[in-house]
Amino acid sequence: MEENSGQKWTMEVKSKTEWFDLNLKEVWQYKDLVYMMVTRDFISQFKQTILGPMWYIFQPLITTIVYSIVFGSIAKISTDEIPHTLFYMSGLLFWNMFASNLIRNSDTFSANQTIFGKVYFPRLVVPISTTISCLVSFLIQLFLLLMMYVYFSFRGVNLHSNSSILLFPYLIVLVLLMSMALGIITTSITTKYKDVKFLIGFVIQLSMWATPIIYPSSSVTNSNLKKIIEINPMAPIIETFRYSLFGLGRIHWNGLAYSTIFCFVTVFIGMIAFNKVEKDFMDTV
């Protein structure tokens, strides 16, 4: 058969040889697919539900009310003079985004093995679209927090927002990258060891109590618990966010530096693990 030397190819699919070969240019070319996946997640999540997207509002609101009753009124845990609902909501906002993004990305290979086995596209598109979906839900819940903030301000509660609010976008990026990277590391491991995905939910539940969500770091007196909080990369992020909104507490710059380093290290490890596993995961999933 005579070879057609004049034929031009628009795309060349080849195996990756480098450990850190992200090929973000190719991912950008599939931005329409990212948008489609985000839309699909949004629609499928609330399909055949009565309240639909309102669950984005009711879920953190109900949780905040329960925390206010149990930990605020009954247990009387200090919130540094911040109204209970604002204190708990501000902590849950970032934690829910972190936990949701981590859990959903930890199932990337197993949940999408049918698509991955039939159609080619940059596999990184899936965790990116999942992360954007979590960002959308976060922004909706952030609107609820701002409405509560305005309500308490009109009621005369002293809430002193300050210039550190400029760190807010940076905090969001840190949480999104960190949770996506940890999810990618987890899904890379679960292609061979399935029981890890059962462990991750349990670990996240335990980690929540080591994060200053229902209590401020200033109220912790136990030295062992203090050490656990200090190695928790989410703790300084939530504390900084609260300080920027309410003006109580302080910014832990060393803690933020630690969270930043932890984020970049996990992203580096996550990308290496993802690139390594995506080559032959269809043989092991």
C-alpha atoms as a PDB file:
ATOM      1  CA  MET A   1       0.000   0.000   0.000  1.00  0.00           C
ATOM      2  CA  GLU A   2       1.391   3.357  -0.983  1.00  0.00           C
ATOM      3  CA  GLU A   3       1.847   5.678   1.936  1.00  0.00           C
ATOM      4  CA  ASN A   4       0.190   9.087   1.679  1.00  0.00           C
ATOM      5  CA  SER A   5       3.106  11.351   2.555  1.00  0.00           C
ATOM      6  CA  GLY A   6       1.008  14.504   2.159  1.00  0.00           C
ATOM      7  CA  GLN A   7      -1.381  13.621   4.983  1.00  0.00           C
ATOM      8  CA  LYS A   8      -1.309  16.025   7.924  1.00  0.00           C
ATOM      9  CA  TRP A   9      -2.231  15.107  11.463  1.00  0.00           C
ATOM     10  CA  THR A  10      -3.920  17.566  13.830  1.00  0.00           C
ATOM     11  CA  MET A  11      -3.096  15.573  16.943  1.00  0.00           C
ATOM     12  CA  GLU A  12      -0.480  13.067  17.978  1.00  0.00           C
ATOM     13  CA  VAL A  13      -1.222  10.770  20.924  1.00  0.00           C
ATOM     14  CA  LYS A  14       1.869   9.341  22.579  1.00  0.00           C
ATOM     15  CA  SER A  15       2.824   7.943  25.949  1.00  0.00           C
ATOM     16  CA  LYS A  16       4.310  10.219  28.556  1.00  0.00           C
ATOM     17  CA  THR A  17       7.954   9.688  29.363  1.00  0.00           C
ATOM     18  CA  GLU A  18       8.559  12.430  31.898  1.00  0.00           C
ATOM     19  CA  TRP A  19       7.337  12.197  35.488  1.00  0.00           C
ATOM     20  CA  PHE A  20       6.150  15.803  35.627  1.00  0.00           C
ATOM     21  CA  ASP A  21       4.714  16.146  32.121  1.00  0.00           C
ATOM     22  CA  LEU A  22       1.553  18.202  32.791  1.00  0.00           C
ATOM     23  CA  ASN A  23       1.041  19.428  29.210  1.00  0.00           C
ATOM     24  CA  LEU A  24      -1.209  22.278  30.380  1.00  0.00           C
ATOM     25  CA  LYS A  25      -1.409  23.605  26.821  1.00  0.00           C
ATOM     26  CA  GLU A  26      -3.300  20.483  25.787  1.00  0.00           C
ATOM     27  CA  VAL A  27      -5.537  20.746  28.862  1.00  0.00           C
ATOM     28  CA  TRP A  28      -6.408  24.317  27.834  1.00  0.00           C
ATOM     29  CA  GLN A  29      -7.426  23.056  24.399  1.00  0.00           C
ATOM     30  CA  TYR A  30     -10.041  20.921  26.156  1.00  0.00           C
ATOM     31  CA  LYS A  31     -11.519  23.810  28.152  1.00  0.00           C
ATOM     32  CA  ASP A  32     -14.918  23.182  26.543  1.00  0.00           C
ATOM     33  CA  LEU A  33     -14.840  19.642  27.922  1.00  0.00           C
ATOM     34  CA  VAL A  34     -14.045  21.032  31.367  1.00  0.00           C
ATOM     35  CA  TYR A  35     -17.066  23.335  31.110  1.00  0.00           C
ATOM     36  CA  MET A  36     -19.260  20.436  29.976  1.00  0.00           C
ATOM     37  CA  MET A  37     -18.134  18.243  32.878  1.00  0.00           C
ATOM     38  CA  VAL A  38     -18.748  21.009  35.411  1.00  0.00           C
ATOM     39  CA  THR A  39     -22.242  21.522  33.988  1.00  0.00           C
ATOM     40  CA  ARG A  40     -22.856  17.761  34.021  1.00  0.00           C
ATOM     41  CA  ASP A  41     -21.822  17.506  37.672  1.00  0.00           C
ATOM     42  CA  PHE A  42     -24.079  20.386  38.616  1.00  0.00           C
ATOM     43  CA  ILE A  43     -27.103  18.907  36.803  1.00  0.00           C
ATOM     44  CA  SER A  44     -26.610  15.255  37.801  1.00  0.00           C
ATOM     45  CA  GLN A  45     -26.036  16.097  41.450  1.00  0.00           C
ATOM     46  CA  PHE A  46     -29.476  17.656  41.863  1.00  0.00           C
ATOM     47  CA  LYS A  47     -31.432  15.739  39.240  1.00  0.00           C
ATOM     48  CA  GLN A  48     -34.803  14.518  40.569  1.00  0.00           C
ATOM     49  CA  THR A  49     -34.457  16.506  43.783  1.00  0.00           C
ATOM     50  CA  ILE A  50     -37.124  18.812  45.167  1.00  0.00           C
ATOM     51  CA  LEU A  51     -34.876  21.618  46.392  1.00  0.00           C
ATOM     52  CA  GLY A  52     -32.248  21.318  43.649  1.00  0.00           C
ATOM     53  CA  PRO A  53     -29.296  23.729  44.051  1.00  0.00           C
ATOM     54  CA  MET A  54     -30.852  25.035  47.276  1.00  0.00           C
ATOM     55  CA  TRP A  55     -29.143  22.093  48.964  1.00  0.00           C
ATOM     56  CA  TYR A  56     -25.939  24.110  48.589  1.00  0.00           C
ATOM     57  CA  ILE A  57     -27.535  26.538  51.059  1.00  0.00           C
ATOM     58  CA  PHE A  58     -29.458  24.199  53.353  1.00  0.00           C
ATOM     59  CA  GLN A  59     -26.638  21.760  54.023  1.00  0.00           C
ATOM     60  CA  PRO A  60     -24.182  24.225  55.655  1.00  0.00           C
ATOM     61  CA  LEU A  61     -27.047  26.190  57.210  1.00  0.00           C
ATOM     62  CA  ILE A  62     -28.511  23.152  58.983  1.00  0.00           C
ATOM     63  CA  THR A  63     -25.046  22.018  60.078  1.00  0.00           C
ATOM     64  CA  THR A  64     -24.331  25.495  61.466  1.00  0.00           C
ATOM     65  CA  ILE A  65     -27.596  25.538  63.420  1.00  0.00           C
ATOM     66  CA  VAL A  66     -26.866  22.104  64.924  1.00  0.00           C
ATOM     67  CA  TYR A  67     -23.328  23.171  65.891  1.00  0.00           C
ATOM     68  CA  SER A  68     -24.680  26.370  67.446  1.00  0.00           C
ATOM     69  CA  ILE A  69     -27.085  24.385  69.623  1.00  0.00           C
ATOM     70  CA  VAL A  70     -24.728  21.555  70.593  1.00  0.00           C
ATOM     71  CA  PHE A  71     -21.355  23.283  70.894  1.00  0.00           C
ATOM     72  CA  GLY A  72     -22.496  26.864  71.490  1.00  0.00           C
ATOM     73  CA  SER A  73     -25.550  26.632  73.751  1.00  0.00           C
ATOM     74  CA  ILE A  74     -25.049  23.256  75.439  1.00  0.00           C
ATOM     75  CA  ALA A  75     -21.266  22.690  75.541  1.00  0.00           C
ATOM     76  CA  LYS A  76     -20.630  26.465  75.696  1.00  0.00           C
ATOM     77  CA  ILE A  77     -17.370  26.263  73.756  1.00  0.00           C
ATOM     78  CA  SER A  78     -15.774  29.694  73.341  1.00  0.00           C
ATOM     79  CA  THR A  79     -15.944  31.366  69.928  1.00  0.00           C
ATOM     80  CA  ASP A  80     -13.871  34.445  70.881  1.00  0.00           C
ATOM     81  CA  GLU A  81     -17.016  36.607  71.161  1.00  0.00           C
ATOM     82  CA  ILE A  82     -17.906  35.928  67.526  1.00  0.00           C
ATOM     83  CA  PRO A  83     -21.615  35.001  67.037  1.00  0.00           C
ATOM     84  CA  HIS A  84     -21.881  31.230  66.967  1.00  0.00           C
ATOM     85  CA  THR A  85     -23.500  30.986  63.544  1.00  0.00           C
ATOM     86  CA  LEU A  86     -20.849  33.198  61.926  1.00  0.00           C
ATOM     87  CA  PHE A  87     -18.020  31.374  63.667  1.00  0.00           C
ATOM     88  CA  TYR A  88     -19.133  27.883  62.653  1.00  0.00           C
ATOM     89  CA  MET A  89     -20.169  28.886  59.150  1.00  0.00           C
ATOM     90  CA  SER A  90     -16.810  30.538  58.437  1.00  0.00           C
ATOM     91  CA  GLY A  91     -15.002  27.351  59.450  1.00  0.00           C
ATOM     92  CA  LEU A  92     -17.343  24.979  57.633  1.00  0.00           C
ATOM     93  CA  LEU A  93     -17.078  27.013  54.437  1.00  0.00           C
ATOM     94  CA  PHE A  94     -13.432  26.166  53.782  1.00  0.00           C
ATOM     95  CA  TRP A  95     -13.552  22.722  55.365  1.00  0.00           C
ATOM     96  CA  ASN A  96     -16.489  21.571  53.209  1.00  0.00           C
ATOM     97  CA  MET A  97     -14.690  22.702  50.068  1.00  0.00           C
ATOM     98  CA  PHE A  98     -11.517  20.904  51.129  1.00  0.00           C
ATOM     99  CA  ALA A  99     -13.219  17.650  52.149  1.00  0.00           C
ATOM    100  CA  SER A 100     -15.585  17.536  49.173  1.00  0.00           C
ATOM    101  CA  ASN A 101     -12.850  18.162  46.623  1.00  0.00           C
ATOM    102  CA  LEU A 102     -10.533  15.597  48.212  1.00  0.00           C
ATOM    103  CA  ILE A 103     -13.184  12.864  48.390  1.00  0.00           C
ATOM    104  CA  ARG A 104     -14.468  13.411  44.866  1.00  0.00           C
ATOM    105  CA  ASN A 105     -10.992  13.493  43.335  1.00  0.00           C
ATOM    106  CA  SER A 106      -9.948  10.403  45.282  1.00  0.00           C
ATOM    107  CA  ASP A 107     -12.265   8.377  43.026  1.00  0.00           C
ATOM    108  CA  THR A 108     -11.112   9.833  39.695  1.00  0.00           C
ATOM    109  CA  PHE A 109      -9.717   6.677  38.085  1.00  0.00           C
ATOM    110  CA  SER A 110     -12.320   4.212  39.386  1.00  0.00           C
ATOM    111  CA  ALA A 111     -15.356   6.395  38.642  1.00  0.00           C
ATOM    112  CA  ASN A 112     -14.203   7.305  35.118  1.00  0.00           C
ATOM    113  CA  GLN A 113     -12.574   4.069  33.976  1.00  0.00           C
ATOM    114  CA  THR A 114     -15.282   3.490  31.321  1.00  0.00           C
ATOM    115  CA  ILE A 115     -14.702   6.902  29.733  1.00  0.00           C
ATOM    116  CA  PHE A 116     -10.931   6.660  30.037  1.00  0.00           C
ATOM    117  CA  GLY A 117     -10.965   3.309  28.264  1.00  0.00           C
ATOM    118  CA  LYS A 118     -12.911   4.539  25.237  1.00  0.00           C
ATOM    119  CA  VAL A 119     -12.061   8.181  24.534  1.00  0.00           C
ATOM    120  CA  TYR A 120      -8.794  10.088  24.612  1.00  0.00           C
ATOM    121  CA  PHE A 121      -8.549  13.432  26.381  1.00  0.00           C
ATOM    122  CA  PRO A 122      -6.080  14.786  28.939  1.00  0.00           C
ATOM    123  CA  ARG A 123      -6.919  12.868  32.119  1.00  0.00           C
ATOM    124  CA  LEU A 124      -6.131  15.954  34.183  1.00  0.00           C
ATOM    125  CA  VAL A 125      -9.358  17.456  32.827  1.00  0.00           C
ATOM    126  CA  VAL A 126     -11.393  15.337  35.268  1.00  0.00           C
ATOM    127  CA  PRO A 127      -9.815  16.511  38.565  1.00  0.00           C
ATOM    128  CA  ILE A 128      -9.757  20.082  37.264  1.00  0.00           C
ATOM    129  CA  SER A 129     -13.482  20.000  36.441  1.00  0.00           C
ATOM    130  CA  THR A 130     -14.223  18.434  39.839  1.00  0.00           C
ATOM    131  CA  THR A 131     -12.251  21.191  41.559  1.00  0.00           C
ATOM    132  CA  ILE A 132     -14.127  23.903  39.658  1.00  0.00           C
ATOM    133  CA  SER A 133     -17.445  22.289  40.661  1.00  0.00           C
ATOM    134  CA  CYS A 134     -16.391  22.462  44.311  1.00  0.00           C
ATOM    135  CA  LEU A 135     -15.418  26.107  43.832  1.00  0.00           C
ATOM    136  CA  VAL A 136     -18.905  26.890  42.480  1.00  0.00           C
ATOM    137  CA  SER A 137     -20.574  25.351  45.544  1.00  0.00           C
ATOM    138  CA  PHE A 138     -18.135  27.251  47.775  1.00  0.00           C
ATOM    139  CA  LEU A 139     -19.046  30.586  46.175  1.00  0.00           C
ATOM    140  CA  ILE A 140     -22.753  29.892  46.654  1.00  0.00           C
ATOM    141  CA  GLN A 141     -22.197  29.124  50.330  1.00  0.00           C
ATOM    142  CA  LEU A 142     -19.952  32.173  50.646  1.00  0.00           C
ATOM    143  CA  PHE A 143     -22.910  34.309  49.582  1.00  0.00           C
ATOM    144  CA  LEU A 144     -24.886  32.825  52.493  1.00  0.00           C
ATOM    145  CA  LEU A 145     -22.080  33.727  54.902  1.00  0.00           C
ATOM    146  CA  LEU A 146     -21.972  37.303  53.594  1.00  0.00           C
ATOM    147  CA  MET A 147     -25.738  37.646  54.065  1.00  0.00           C
ATOM    148  CA  MET A 148     -25.356  36.488  57.678  1.00  0.00           C
ATOM    149  CA  TYR A 149     -22.448  38.904  58.111  1.00  0.00           C
ATOM    150  CA  VAL A 150     -24.572  41.832  56.940  1.00  0.00           C
ATOM    151  CA  TYR A 151     -27.448  40.743  59.201  1.00  0.00           C
ATOM    152  CA  PHE A 152     -25.293  40.707  62.337  1.00  0.00           C
ATOM    153  CA  SER A 153     -23.673  44.012  61.359  1.00  0.00           C
ATOM    154  CA  PHE A 154     -27.078  45.688  61.199  1.00  0.00           C
ATOM    155  CA  ARG A 155     -27.877  44.236  64.606  1.00  0.00           C
ATOM    156  CA  GLY A 156     -24.929  46.124  66.061  1.00  0.00           C
ATOM    157  CA  VAL A 157     -22.445  43.271  66.473  1.00  0.00           C
ATOM    158  CA  ASN A 158     -18.864  44.568  66.251  1.00  0.00           C
ATOM    159  CA  LEU A 159     -17.324  42.800  63.256  1.00  0.00           C
ATOM    160  CA  HIS A 160     -14.038  44.318  62.174  1.00  0.00           C
ATOM    161  CA  SER A 161     -13.045  43.196  58.701  1.00  0.00           C
ATOM    162  CA  ASN A 162      -9.580  44.382  57.716  1.00  0.00           C
ATOM    163  CA  SER A 163      -7.073  44.582  54.901  1.00  0.00           C
ATOM    164  CA  SER A 164      -6.071  40.933  55.328  1.00  0.00           C
ATOM    165  CA  ILE A 165      -9.248  40.099  53.393  1.00  0.00           C
ATOM    166  CA  LEU A 166      -6.992  40.602  50.359  1.00  0.00           C
ATOM    167  CA  LEU A 167      -5.532  37.181  51.213  1.00  0.00           C
ATOM    168  CA  PHE A 168      -8.919  35.602  50.572  1.00  0.00           C
ATOM    169  CA  PRO A 169      -8.301  34.581  46.912  1.00  0.00           C
ATOM    170  CA  TYR A 170      -4.933  33.160  47.920  1.00  0.00           C
ATOM    171  CA  LEU A 171      -6.545  31.055  50.647  1.00  0.00           C
ATOM    172  CA  ILE A 172      -9.069  29.668  48.167  1.00  0.00           C
ATOM    173  CA  VAL A 173      -6.332  28.683  45.716  1.00  0.00           C
ATOM    174  CA  LEU A 174      -4.356  27.001  48.508  1.00  0.00           C
ATOM    175  CA  VAL A 175      -7.326  24.897  49.615  1.00  0.00           C
ATOM    176  CA  LEU A 176      -8.348  23.935  46.076  1.00  0.00           C
ATOM    177  CA  LEU A 177      -4.837  22.910  45.007  1.00  0.00           C
ATOM    178  CA  MET A 178      -4.136  21.089  48.256  1.00  0.00           C
ATOM    179  CA  SER A 179      -7.372  19.087  48.241  1.00  0.00           C
ATOM    180  CA  MET A 180      -7.093  18.276  44.518  1.00  0.00           C
ATOM    181  CA  ALA A 181      -3.502  17.077  44.974  1.00  0.00           C
ATOM    182  CA  LEU A 182      -4.361  14.918  47.989  1.00  0.00           C
ATOM    183  CA  GLY A 183      -7.306  13.475  46.044  1.00  0.00           C
ATOM    184  CA  ILE A 184      -5.060  12.704  43.070  1.00  0.00           C
ATOM    185  CA  ILE A 185      -2.526  10.978  45.329  1.00  0.00           C
ATOM    186  CA  THR A 186      -5.333   8.925  46.877  1.00  0.00           C
ATOM    187  CA  THR A 187      -6.854   7.882  43.546  1.00  0.00           C
ATOM    188  CA  SER A 188      -3.399   6.901  42.286  1.00  0.00           C
ATOM    189  CA  ILE A 189      -2.995   4.589  45.279  1.00  0.00           C
ATOM    190  CA  THR A 190      -6.513   3.131  45.075  1.00  0.00           C
ATOM    191  CA  THR A 191      -5.934   1.768  41.575  1.00  0.00           C
ATOM    192  CA  LYS A 192      -4.004  -1.043  43.294  1.00  0.00           C
ATOM    193  CA  TYR A 193      -5.188  -0.863  46.895  1.00  0.00           C
ATOM    194  CA  LYS A 194      -8.977  -0.485  46.932  1.00  0.00           C
ATOM    195  CA  ASP A 195      -9.337  -0.310  50.701  1.00  0.00           C
ATOM    196  CA  VAL A 196      -7.600   3.091  50.812  1.00  0.00           C
ATOM    197  CA  LYS A 197     -10.761   4.822  49.562  1.00  0.00           C
ATOM    198  CA  PHE A 198     -12.665   3.452  52.570  1.00  0.00           C
ATOM    199  CA  LEU A 199      -9.980   4.809  54.877  1.00  0.00           C
ATOM    200  CA  ILE A 200      -9.927   8.327  53.422  1.00  0.00           C
ATOM    201  CA  GLY A 201     -13.461   9.203  54.586  1.00  0.00           C
ATOM    202  CA  PHE A 202     -12.609   8.108  58.124  1.00  0.00           C
ATOM    203  CA  VAL A 203      -9.388  10.148  58.108  1.00  0.00           C
ATOM    204  CA  ILE A 204     -11.218  13.269  56.918  1.00  0.00           C
ATOM    205  CA  GLN A 205     -13.790  12.944  59.704  1.00  0.00           C
ATOM    206  CA  LEU A 206     -11.047  12.687  62.312  1.00  0.00           C
ATOM    207  CA  SER A 207      -9.095  15.562  60.762  1.00  0.00           C
ATOM    208  CA  MET A 208     -12.087  17.850  61.113  1.00  0.00           C
ATOM    209  CA  TRP A 209     -11.799  17.707  64.916  1.00  0.00           C
ATOM    210  CA  ALA A 210      -8.120  18.649  64.636  1.00  0.00           C
ATOM    211  CA  THR A 211      -9.117  21.766  62.698  1.00  0.00           C
ATOM    212  CA  PRO A 212     -10.366  24.943  64.483  1.00  0.00           C
ATOM    213  CA  ILE A 213     -13.905  24.769  63.103  1.00  0.00           C
ATOM    214  CA  ILE A 214     -15.952  24.503  66.297  1.00  0.00           C
ATOM    215  CA  TYR A 215     -13.311  26.139  68.488  1.00  0.00           C
ATOM    216  CA  PRO A 216     -10.632  28.849  68.097  1.00  0.00           C
ATOM    217  CA  SER A 217      -6.983  27.857  68.355  1.00  0.00           C
ATOM    218  CA  SER A 218      -6.610  30.283  71.280  1.00  0.00           C
ATOM    219  CA  SER A 219      -8.880  28.100  73.437  1.00  0.00           C
ATOM    220  CA  VAL A 220      -6.700  24.979  73.071  1.00  0.00           C
ATOM    221  CA  THR A 221      -4.621  24.374  76.187  1.00  0.00           C
ATOM    222  CA  ASN A 222      -3.632  20.734  75.705  1.00  0.00           C
ATOM    223  CA  SER A 223      -0.054  20.620  74.398  1.00  0.00           C
ATOM    224  CA  ASN A 224      -0.580  17.446  72.351  1.00  0.00           C
ATOM    225  CA  LEU A 225      -3.653  18.873  70.638  1.00  0.00           C
ATOM    226  CA  LYS A 226      -1.757  22.090  69.943  1.00  0.00           C
ATOM    227  CA  LYS A 227       0.961  20.127  68.156  1.00  0.00           C
ATOM    228  CA  ILE A 228      -1.642  18.318  66.056  1.00  0.00           C
ATOM    229  CA  ILE A 229      -3.243  21.636  65.081  1.00  0.00           C
ATOM    230  CA  GLU A 230       0.157  23.079  64.208  1.00  0.00           C
ATOM    231  CA  ILE A 231       0.833  20.318  61.647  1.00  0.00           C
ATOM    232  CA  ASN A 232      -2.666  20.647  60.196  1.00  0.00           C
ATOM    233  CA  PRO A 233      -2.295  22.788  57.024  1.00  0.00           C
ATOM    234  CA  MET A 234      -5.983  23.780  57.103  1.00  0.00           C
ATOM    235  CA  ALA A 235      -5.785  25.351  60.563  1.00  0.00           C
ATOM    236  CA  PRO A 236      -3.902  28.589  59.675  1.00  0.00           C
ATOM    237  CA  ILE A 237      -6.042  29.031  56.562  1.00  0.00           C
ATOM    238  CA  ILE A 238      -9.306  29.004  58.524  1.00  0.00           C
ATOM    239  CA  GLU A 239      -7.856  31.148  61.312  1.00  0.00           C
ATOM    240  CA  THR A 240      -6.615  33.735  58.791  1.00  0.00           C
ATOM    241  CA  PHE A 241      -9.997  33.855  57.095  1.00  0.00           C
ATOM    242  CA  ARG A 242     -11.739  34.455  60.420  1.00  0.00           C
ATOM    243  CA  TYR A 243      -9.301  37.200  61.353  1.00  0.00           C
ATOM    244  CA  SER A 244      -9.864  38.969  58.036  1.00  0.00           C
ATOM    245  CA  LEU A 245     -13.645  38.902  58.573  1.00  0.00           C
ATOM    246  CA  PHE A 246     -14.014  39.473  62.296  1.00  0.00           C
ATOM    247  CA  GLY A 247     -10.741  41.105  63.385  1.00  0.00           C
ATOM    248  CA  LEU A 248     -10.294  38.687  66.287  1.00  0.00           C
ATOM    249  CA  GLY A 249      -7.267  36.452  66.739  1.00  0.00           C
ATOM    250  CA  ARG A 250      -4.251  36.968  64.518  1.00  0.00           C
ATOM    251  CA  ILE A 251      -2.668  35.899  61.255  1.00  0.00           C
ATOM    252  CA  HIS A 252      -0.286  32.984  61.694  1.00  0.00           C
ATOM    253  CA  TRP A 253       2.277  33.878  59.031  1.00  0.00           C
ATOM    254  CA  ASN A 254       4.471  30.901  59.860  1.00  0.00           C
ATOM    255  CA  GLY A 255       1.407  28.691  59.622  1.00  0.00           C
ATOM    256  CA  LEU A 256       0.471  30.140  56.235  1.00  0.00           C
ATOM    257  CA  ALA A 257       4.024  29.585  55.009  1.00  0.00           C
ATOM    258  CA  TYR A 258       3.788  25.982  56.192  1.00  0.00           C
ATOM    259  CA  SER A 259       0.415  25.536  54.422  1.00  0.00           C
ATOM    260  CA  THR A 260       1.886  26.969  51.230  1.00  0.00           C
ATOM    261  CA  ILE A 261       4.892  24.627  51.321  1.00  0.00           C
ATOM    262  CA  PHE A 262       2.632  21.676  52.130  1.00  0.00           C
ATOM    263  CA  CYS A 263       0.404  22.614  49.184  1.00  0.00           C
ATOM    264  CA  PHE A 264       3.243  22.783  46.663  1.00  0.00           C
ATOM    265  CA  VAL A 265       4.790  19.546  47.918  1.00  0.00           C
ATOM    266  CA  THR A 266       1.481  17.659  47.611  1.00  0.00           C
ATOM    267  CA  VAL A 267       0.857  19.126  44.151  1.00  0.00           C
ATOM    268  CA  PHE A 268       4.329  18.013  43.044  1.00  0.00           C
ATOM    269  CA  ILE A 269       3.848  14.501  44.418  1.00  0.00           C
ATOM    270  CA  GLY A 270       0.297  14.344  43.086  1.00  0.00           C
ATOM    271  CA  MET A 271       1.292  15.234  39.532  1.00  0.00           C
ATOM    272  CA  ILE A 272       4.109  12.680  39.533  1.00  0.00           C
ATOM    273  CA  ALA A 273       1.769   9.960  40.860  1.00  0.00           C
ATOM    274  CA  PHE A 274      -1.005  10.903  38.425  1.00  0.00           C
ATOM    275  CA  ASN A 275       1.291  10.854  35.383  1.00  0.00           C
ATOM    276  CA  LYS A 276       2.776   7.526  36.429  1.00  0.00           C
ATOM    277  CA  VAL A 277      -0.532   5.772  37.111  1.00  0.00           C
ATOM    278  CA  GLU A 278      -2.545   7.067  34.136  1.00  0.00           C
ATOM    279  CA  LYS A 279      -0.273   5.182  31.702  1.00  0.00           C
ATOM    280  CA  ASP A 280      -1.392   1.731  32.770  1.00  0.00           C
ATOM    281  CA  PHE A 281      -4.187   2.105  35.338  1.00  0.00           C
ATOM    282  CA  MET A 282      -6.681   0.375  32.977  1.00  0.00           C
ATOM    283  CA  ASP A 283      -4.777  -2.842  33.603  1.00  0.00           C
ATOM    284  CA  THR A 284      -5.177  -2.605  37.363  1.00  0.00           C
ATOM    285  CA  VAL A 285      -8.519  -0.838  38.010  1.00  0.00           C
END
